Amino acid sequence: VNVLDVNDNAPVFSPLVYRKSVLEEVSLTLVIQVSATDRDSTSNGDILYSIVGSDFNLFTVNNRTGWVSVGRLDRETNPGPYTIVVRATDRAASGEEKSSTAEVIISVLDANDNAPVFTRFPTTVVDFTELSPAGHALAMVAATDRDEGNNSVVQFSIDAVQPASALNYFDLNATSGILTLHDQL
């Protein structure tokens, strides 16, 4: 007596929702492996994976292993999260495949990939008298950074002054961007 398998089971994902965080600016990375099982035997239980109706050309899935790969993500352009649907389809011999789906939610982590940009930078001459007291505010600079968290914190410093000895007369507050006189001239 031969018992033939009938394709009476659909693939089952466990879990139904996968979550993963990916650092932006990394290309062609294996992100997460989805997995489904099918209780049928022979090709009725053999599973192929595919991405369903995604608007994102950034993601692919290996149809045999279920490994989801991602192209280059940029958090500043699209912070996500991205939700893609992966389908597991059995290869029923009868041509009447059964399938199920799972969600993969990809969050994008920030990389320190943006330089600060000055939003306020006086380019004109700042006038003050030689009697101006120490601590007298001369100018203020400001900048923003498109990154987030600690990657967006801007610190100010004076890189060069001509003549170099003039550096002894000025202080620049690293967080506020306020330029003051260090000592009276």
Protein backbone atom coordinates (compact mmCIF):
# COMPACT_ATOMS: atom_id res chain seq x y z
CA VAL A 1 0.00 0.00 0.00
CA ASN A 2 1.40 3.37 -1.05
CA VAL A 3 0.12 6.48 0.67
CA LEU A 4 0.55 9.59 -1.48
CA ASP A 5 0.86 12.97 0.09
CA VAL A 6 -1.89 15.45 -0.69
CA ASN A 7 -1.03 19.13 -0.48
CA ASP A 8 -3.34 19.82 2.43
CA ASN A 9 -1.04 22.06 4.49
CA ALA A 10 0.11 25.60 3.83
CA PRO A 11 3.55 26.76 4.92
CA VAL A 12 3.55 28.30 8.42
CA PHE A 13 5.86 31.11 9.49
CA SER A 14 7.10 31.30 13.05
CA PRO A 15 7.05 34.10 14.03
CA LEU A 16 4.55 35.99 11.87
CA VAL A 17 6.41 39.29 12.37
CA TYR A 18 10.21 39.66 12.18
CA ARG A 19 11.98 42.81 13.40
CA LYS A 20 15.52 43.93 12.70
CA SER A 21 17.53 47.15 12.96
CA VAL A 22 20.09 47.97 10.27
CA LEU A 23 22.79 50.65 10.28
CA GLU A 24 22.31 53.11 7.42
CA GLU A 25 24.94 53.42 4.68
CA VAL A 26 25.74 49.67 4.70
CA SER A 27 25.21 47.97 1.33
CA LEU A 28 24.13 44.46 0.37
CA THR A 29 23.82 43.08 3.85
CA LEU A 30 22.06 39.93 4.99
CA VAL A 31 19.54 41.31 7.45
CA ILE A 32 17.42 38.50 8.78
CA GLN A 33 16.39 34.97 7.88
CA VAL A 34 12.69 34.17 7.73
CA SER A 35 11.59 30.58 8.10
CA ALA A 36 8.43 28.66 7.38
CA THR A 37 7.64 24.99 7.72
CA ASP A 38 5.19 22.82 5.81
CA ARG A 39 3.90 19.51 7.21
CA ASP A 40 3.45 18.03 3.74
CA SER A 41 6.08 15.75 2.24
CA THR A 42 7.82 15.66 -1.15
CA SER A 43 7.55 18.83 -3.21
CA ASN A 44 4.30 19.62 -1.40
CA GLY A 45 6.45 20.57 1.58
CA ASP A 46 9.30 22.22 -0.34
CA ILE A 47 9.17 26.00 0.26
CA LEU A 48 10.16 28.95 -1.92
CA TYR A 49 10.29 32.52 -0.55
CA SER A 50 9.44 35.77 -2.34
CA ILE A 51 8.74 39.41 -1.52
CA VAL A 52 5.16 40.46 -2.14
CA GLY A 53 4.18 43.82 -3.65
CA SER A 54 6.99 45.88 -2.19
CA ASP A 55 7.53 49.47 -3.30
CA PHE A 56 11.09 49.19 -2.04
CA ASN A 57 13.69 48.02 -4.55
CA LEU A 58 16.13 47.89 -1.66
CA PHE A 59 15.20 44.43 -0.39
CA THR A 60 15.58 40.93 -1.81
CA VAL A 61 14.96 37.48 -0.39
CA ASN A 62 16.84 34.31 -1.28
CA ASN A 63 14.04 32.09 -2.59
CA ARG A 64 15.53 28.91 -1.05
CA THR A 65 17.08 30.05 2.27
CA GLY A 66 14.74 32.90 3.28
CA TRP A 67 17.62 35.30 3.93
CA VAL A 68 16.46 38.89 3.43
CA SER A 69 19.12 41.26 2.07
CA VAL A 70 19.09 45.03 2.00
CA GLY A 71 20.69 47.58 -0.31
CA ARG A 72 22.03 50.91 0.92
CA LEU A 73 19.63 52.74 3.26
CA ASP A 74 19.85 56.44 4.14
CA ARG A 75 18.02 57.39 7.33
CA GLU A 76 18.02 61.10 6.45
CA THR A 77 16.24 60.41 3.13
CA ASN A 78 13.80 57.79 4.45
CA PRO A 79 13.97 57.13 8.18
CA GLY A 80 11.75 54.07 7.94
CA PRO A 81 10.78 51.78 9.38
CA TYR A 82 10.30 49.67 6.26
CA THR A 83 7.70 46.91 6.30
CA ILE A 84 8.01 44.20 3.67
CA VAL A 85 5.87 41.11 3.23
CA VAL A 86 7.55 37.78 2.53
CA ARG A 87 5.54 34.92 1.07
CA ALA A 88 6.36 31.24 1.58
CA THR A 89 4.88 29.08 -1.19
CA ASP A 90 5.04 25.31 -1.33
CA ARG A 91 5.82 23.56 -4.62
CA ALA A 92 2.82 21.33 -4.84
CA ALA A 93 3.13 18.66 -7.52
CA SER A 94 -0.46 19.21 -8.46
CA GLY A 95 0.21 22.88 -9.31
CA GLU A 96 -2.15 23.98 -6.55
CA GLU A 97 0.39 25.71 -4.34
CA LYS A 98 -0.45 26.91 -0.87
CA SER A 99 1.20 29.91 0.73
CA SER A 100 1.33 32.14 3.76
CA THR A 101 2.98 35.47 4.56
CA ALA A 102 5.00 37.13 7.30
CA GLU A 103 5.99 40.75 7.87
CA VAL A 104 9.57 41.92 8.14
CA ILE A 105 9.97 45.30 9.80
CA ILE A 106 13.34 46.96 9.22
CA SER A 107 14.34 49.95 11.38
CA VAL A 108 17.18 52.19 10.20
CA LEU A 109 19.86 53.16 12.73
CA ASP A 110 21.75 56.41 12.32
CA ALA A 111 25.39 56.49 11.23
CA ASN A 112 27.45 59.63 11.69
CA ASP A 113 27.44 60.30 7.94
CA ASN A 114 26.61 64.01 7.77
CA ALA A 115 28.88 66.95 8.49
CA PRO A 116 27.52 69.93 10.41
CA VAL A 117 26.36 72.86 8.28
CA PHE A 118 26.68 76.43 9.49
CA THR A 119 23.33 78.19 9.72
CA ARG A 120 24.76 81.36 11.23
CA PHE A 121 28.28 82.44 10.48
CA PRO A 122 29.23 86.13 10.50
CA THR A 123 31.52 86.74 7.56
CA THR A 124 31.90 90.44 8.14
CA VAL A 125 34.39 92.21 10.37
CA VAL A 126 33.36 92.40 14.02
CA ASP A 127 34.07 95.81 15.52
CA PHE A 128 34.94 96.27 19.19
CA THR A 129 37.12 98.65 21.16
CA GLU A 130 40.31 97.85 22.98
CA LEU A 131 38.47 98.78 26.17
CA SER A 132 35.91 96.02 25.71
CA PRO A 133 35.94 93.90 28.88
CA ALA A 134 36.90 90.24 29.13
CA GLY A 135 33.85 88.08 28.42
CA HIS A 136 32.38 90.65 25.99
CA ALA A 137 30.37 88.77 23.33
CA LEU A 138 31.63 89.51 19.82
CA ALA A 139 29.73 87.13 17.59
CA MET A 140 27.75 83.91 17.54
CA VAL A 141 27.97 80.98 15.16
CA ALA A 142 25.36 78.23 14.78
CA ALA A 143 25.25 74.92 12.94
CA THR A 144 22.97 71.92 12.49
CA ASP A 145 23.65 68.28 11.70
CA ARG A 146 21.12 66.02 9.92
CA ASP A 147 22.16 62.98 11.95
CA GLU A 148 20.29 62.10 15.15
CA GLY A 149 21.15 61.58 18.80
CA ASN A 150 24.81 61.98 19.75
CA ASN A 151 25.71 62.02 16.04
CA SER A 152 23.90 65.35 15.68
CA VAL A 153 25.66 67.14 18.54
CA VAL A 154 27.73 70.04 17.20
CA GLN A 155 30.88 71.25 18.99
CA PHE A 156 32.54 74.53 18.01
CA SER A 157 36.25 75.32 18.09
CA ILE A 158 38.66 77.80 16.55
CA ASP A 159 40.89 76.03 14.05
CA ALA A 160 43.13 78.89 12.96
CA VAL A 161 43.63 82.57 13.64
CA GLN A 162 45.97 84.98 11.92
CA PRO A 163 48.23 85.91 13.59
CA ALA A 164 48.38 82.82 15.79
CA SER A 165 49.01 84.93 18.91
CA ALA A 166 45.51 86.43 18.52
CA LEU A 167 44.08 83.09 19.70
CA ASN A 168 45.08 84.14 23.23
CA TYR A 169 42.51 86.95 23.12
CA PHE A 170 39.40 84.97 22.16
CA ASP A 171 37.24 82.20 23.58
CA LEU A 172 34.64 80.25 21.64
CA ASN A 173 32.03 78.44 23.70
CA ALA A 174 32.03 74.89 22.31
CA THR A 175 28.28 74.37 22.74
CA SER A 176 26.71 77.84 22.34
CA GLY A 177 28.96 79.13 19.54
CA ILE A 178 29.42 82.49 21.28
CA LEU A 179 32.77 84.15 20.58
CA THR A 180 33.96 86.31 23.47
CA LEU A 181 37.05 88.26 24.47
CA HIS A 182 39.33 86.23 26.71
CA ASP A 183 41.08 89.25 28.11
CA GLN A 184 40.80 92.96 27.66
CA LEU A 185 43.12 94.10 24.89
